[in-house]
Protein backbone atom coordinates (compact mmCIF):
# COMPACT_ATOMS: atom_id res chain seq x y z
CA MET A 1 -26.74 -167.01 -100.95
CA LYS A 2 -25.00 -164.52 -98.73
CA GLY A 3 -24.73 -164.87 -94.94
CA VAL A 4 -25.46 -162.39 -92.20
CA PRO A 5 -23.12 -159.34 -92.40
CA LEU A 6 -20.36 -159.24 -89.78
CA ALA A 7 -21.49 -155.80 -88.61
CA PHE A 8 -24.84 -157.36 -87.65
CA ASN A 9 -23.04 -160.02 -85.60
CA ASP A 10 -21.10 -157.32 -83.73
CA LEU A 11 -24.24 -155.39 -82.74
CA ALA A 12 -24.91 -157.44 -79.57
CA THR A 13 -21.31 -157.18 -78.39
CA SER A 14 -20.66 -153.54 -79.29
CA THR A 15 -20.63 -150.68 -76.81
CA ILE A 16 -21.77 -147.07 -76.69
CA GLY A 17 -19.16 -145.51 -74.47
CA PRO A 18 -18.74 -147.76 -71.43
CA ILE A 19 -22.24 -149.27 -71.80
CA SER A 20 -23.03 -152.28 -73.98
CA THR A 21 -25.38 -151.50 -76.86
CA PRO A 22 -28.16 -153.92 -75.77
CA VAL A 23 -28.19 -152.40 -72.26
CA PHE A 24 -28.22 -148.88 -73.70
CA ILE A 25 -31.14 -149.70 -76.02
CA PHE A 26 -32.98 -151.40 -73.11
CA VAL A 27 -32.60 -148.28 -70.96
CA VAL A 28 -33.76 -146.02 -73.81
CA VAL A 29 -36.82 -148.16 -74.58
CA ALA A 30 -37.70 -148.44 -70.86
CA ALA A 31 -37.33 -144.66 -70.42
CA VAL A 32 -39.55 -143.95 -73.44
CA MET A 33 -42.20 -146.37 -72.20
CA LEU A 34 -42.00 -144.91 -68.68
CA PHE A 35 -42.57 -141.46 -70.17
CA VAL A 36 -45.52 -142.79 -72.20
CA GLU A 37 -46.95 -144.51 -69.11
CA ARG A 38 -46.70 -141.54 -66.76
CA LYS A 39 -46.84 -138.40 -68.89
CA THR A 40 -49.08 -139.05 -71.88
CA LEU A 41 -52.74 -139.48 -72.57
CA LEU A 42 -51.98 -142.87 -74.12
CA GLY A 43 -50.54 -144.05 -70.80
CA ARG A 44 -53.63 -142.96 -68.90
CA TRP A 45 -55.86 -144.57 -71.51
CA ALA A 46 -53.88 -147.82 -71.32
CA ILE A 47 -54.22 -148.03 -67.55
CA ALA A 48 -57.91 -147.11 -67.61
CA SER A 49 -58.81 -149.51 -70.41
CA GLY A 50 -56.89 -152.35 -68.75
CA GLY A 51 -58.66 -151.89 -65.41
CA ASN A 52 -62.22 -151.64 -66.66
CA PRO A 53 -62.67 -151.53 -70.45
CA GLU A 54 -66.40 -150.88 -70.30
CA ALA A 55 -66.06 -147.93 -67.90
CA ALA A 56 -63.21 -146.58 -70.02
CA ARG A 57 -65.32 -146.87 -73.18
CA LEU A 58 -68.21 -145.08 -71.48
CA SER A 59 -65.76 -142.35 -70.42
CA GLY A 60 -64.90 -141.70 -74.04
CA ILE A 61 -61.55 -143.50 -74.20
CA PRO A 62 -60.92 -145.00 -77.65
CA ILE A 63 -60.26 -148.57 -76.46
CA ASP A 64 -59.57 -150.10 -79.89
CA ARG A 65 -57.20 -147.33 -80.97
CA THR A 66 -55.38 -147.52 -77.63
CA ARG A 67 -54.93 -151.29 -77.96
CA ILE A 68 -53.70 -150.99 -81.55
CA ILE A 69 -51.08 -148.40 -80.55
CA LEU A 70 -49.98 -150.57 -77.61
CA TYR A 71 -49.71 -153.60 -79.91
CA ILE A 72 -47.55 -151.53 -82.25
CA PHE A 73 -45.25 -150.58 -79.33
CA SER A 74 -45.15 -154.22 -78.24
CA GLY A 75 -44.30 -155.39 -81.75
CA LEU A 76 -41.58 -152.76 -82.04
CA ALA A 77 -40.04 -153.87 -78.74
CA ALA A 78 -40.23 -157.53 -79.82
CA GLY A 79 -38.55 -156.62 -83.11
CA ILE A 80 -35.72 -154.82 -81.33
CA ALA A 81 -35.27 -157.81 -79.00
CA GLY A 82 -35.26 -160.17 -81.99
CA ILE A 83 -32.55 -158.16 -83.70
CA PHE A 84 -30.32 -158.35 -80.61
CA ILE A 85 -31.01 -162.05 -80.00
CA ASN A 86 -30.16 -162.93 -83.60
CA SER A 87 -27.08 -160.71 -83.48
CA ARG A 88 -25.93 -162.42 -80.31
CA VAL A 89 -26.18 -165.91 -81.82
CA ALA A 90 -24.86 -164.65 -85.20
CA THR A 91 -27.71 -166.04 -87.24
CA GLY A 92 -30.99 -165.06 -88.83
CA ASP A 93 -32.97 -167.98 -87.37
CA PRO A 94 -36.63 -167.09 -86.78
CA ASN A 95 -36.79 -169.64 -83.95
CA SER A 96 -33.88 -168.19 -81.95
CA GLY A 97 -36.24 -166.59 -79.39
CA PHE A 98 -38.29 -169.74 -78.84
CA GLY A 99 -39.12 -170.19 -75.16
CA PHE A 100 -38.57 -166.55 -74.17
CA GLU A 101 -42.30 -165.90 -73.98
CA PHE A 102 -42.41 -167.71 -70.62
CA ASP A 103 -39.66 -165.44 -69.28
CA VAL A 104 -41.64 -162.41 -70.49
CA ILE A 105 -44.81 -163.59 -68.74
CA VAL A 106 -42.90 -164.29 -65.51
CA ALA A 107 -41.22 -160.87 -65.64
CA VAL A 108 -44.46 -159.00 -66.24
CA ILE A 109 -46.37 -160.83 -63.49
CA LEU A 110 -43.43 -160.65 -61.07
CA GLY A 111 -43.26 -156.92 -61.85
CA GLY A 112 -46.72 -156.44 -60.40
CA THR A 113 -49.02 -156.59 -63.41
CA ALA A 114 -52.36 -158.12 -62.45
CA LEU A 115 -53.61 -161.06 -64.49
CA SER A 116 -56.96 -159.30 -64.68
CA GLY A 117 -55.37 -156.12 -66.08
CA GLY A 118 -55.44 -152.51 -64.97
CA GLN A 119 -52.38 -152.71 -62.74
CA GLY A 120 -48.68 -152.82 -63.38
CA THR A 121 -45.85 -150.42 -64.09
CA ILE A 122 -42.85 -150.18 -66.36
CA ILE A 123 -40.57 -149.79 -63.31
CA GLY A 124 -41.93 -152.97 -61.72
CA THR A 125 -41.37 -154.92 -64.92
CA VAL A 126 -37.82 -153.57 -65.32
CA VAL A 127 -36.98 -154.60 -61.75
CA ALA A 128 -38.46 -158.05 -62.40
CA VAL A 129 -36.35 -158.39 -65.58
CA PHE A 130 -33.24 -157.72 -63.51
CA ILE A 131 -34.34 -160.25 -60.87
CA LEU A 132 -34.96 -162.89 -63.54
CA GLY A 133 -31.63 -162.11 -65.21
CA ILE A 134 -29.77 -162.55 -61.93
CA LEU A 135 -31.72 -165.72 -61.16
CA GLY A 136 -31.05 -167.18 -64.62
CA ASN A 137 -27.34 -166.36 -64.46
CA GLY A 138 -27.09 -167.80 -60.96
CA LEU A 139 -28.81 -171.02 -61.99
CA ASN A 140 -26.53 -171.30 -65.04
CA LEU A 141 -23.43 -170.79 -62.88
CA LEU A 142 -24.69 -173.50 -60.52
CA GLY A 143 -25.08 -175.85 -63.49
CA VAL A 144 -28.86 -176.24 -63.16
CA GLU A 145 -30.32 -177.78 -66.33
CA SER A 146 -32.75 -175.72 -68.40
CA PHE A 147 -35.81 -177.84 -67.55
CA SER A 148 -35.22 -177.30 -63.84
CA GLN A 149 -34.77 -173.58 -64.48
CA TYR A 150 -38.28 -173.50 -66.01
CA VAL A 151 -39.60 -175.24 -62.88
CA VAL A 152 -37.92 -172.63 -60.64
CA LYS A 153 -39.34 -169.79 -62.76
CA GLY A 154 -42.78 -171.47 -62.70
CA VAL A 155 -42.70 -171.68 -58.91
CA LEU A 156 -41.65 -168.01 -58.81
CA LEU A 157 -44.58 -167.17 -61.11
CA VAL A 158 -47.08 -169.03 -58.92
CA PHE A 159 -45.63 -167.34 -55.83
CA ALA A 160 -45.84 -163.88 -57.47
CA VAL A 161 -49.44 -164.42 -58.58
CA GLY A 162 -50.39 -165.67 -55.11
CA ILE A 163 -48.72 -162.76 -53.32
CA GLY A 164 -50.26 -160.30 -55.80
CA GLU A 165 -53.75 -161.67 -55.24
CA VAL A 166 -53.32 -161.66 -51.45
CA LEU A 167 -52.11 -158.04 -51.53
CA ARG A 168 -54.97 -156.97 -53.80
CA GLY A 169 -57.45 -158.75 -51.52
CA THR A 170 -55.92 -157.11 -48.43
CA ARG A 171 -56.10 -153.67 -50.04
CA GLY A 172 -59.73 -154.29 -50.99
CA THR A 173 -60.58 -155.41 -47.48
CA LEU A 174 -58.85 -152.37 -45.96
CA ALA A 175 -60.70 -150.06 -48.34
CA ARG A 176 -64.04 -151.65 -47.40
CA LEU A 177 -63.21 -151.30 -43.68
CA ARG A 178 -62.32 -147.62 -44.15
CA LEU A 179 -65.57 -147.08 -46.04
CA LEU A 180 -67.59 -148.79 -43.29
CA SER A 181 -65.75 -146.79 -40.63
CA SER A 182 -66.46 -143.50 -42.41
CA LEU A 183 -70.14 -144.43 -42.87
CA LYS A 184 -70.51 -145.26 -39.17
CA SER A 185 -68.83 -142.05 -38.02
CA GLY A 186 -70.58 -139.84 -40.56
């Protein structure tokens, strides 16, 4: 039985010019997804079907096809991440990414994606990934054990969900007040 090739092990530590390969690939994937989100029909369909699937279906948006394409993109991104994680630890272990799903959920929610769907941006998620990376590195440098790091990230998640719900409620209240004001004046 042959081991993992050395070139595979070097992938996570290699560079493209002055930029590390994982960072370069991250930027490319984020840029492609930002383009898809903002400039394509698929991006509009994704936002519409996440906000109100029934209204989107009645508007003629192919909900099932949109979800399948988004699942394909998600699987592709997970595959790329898996390649870099396994390259970094120099192994082909299928369990090497165990526990990262919590970090993904925290990053997406912290980035502004609503639990109910229909809101969220690629930029917000990228910023949240950087925040979580800095937080994780800081906690590691301080010597905080991994269990306590999950507690800190959980508190951050609860805080982000709470703030998000308060902001959405405030926006809804302001919209209702504007509507009432326009009805009274008109």
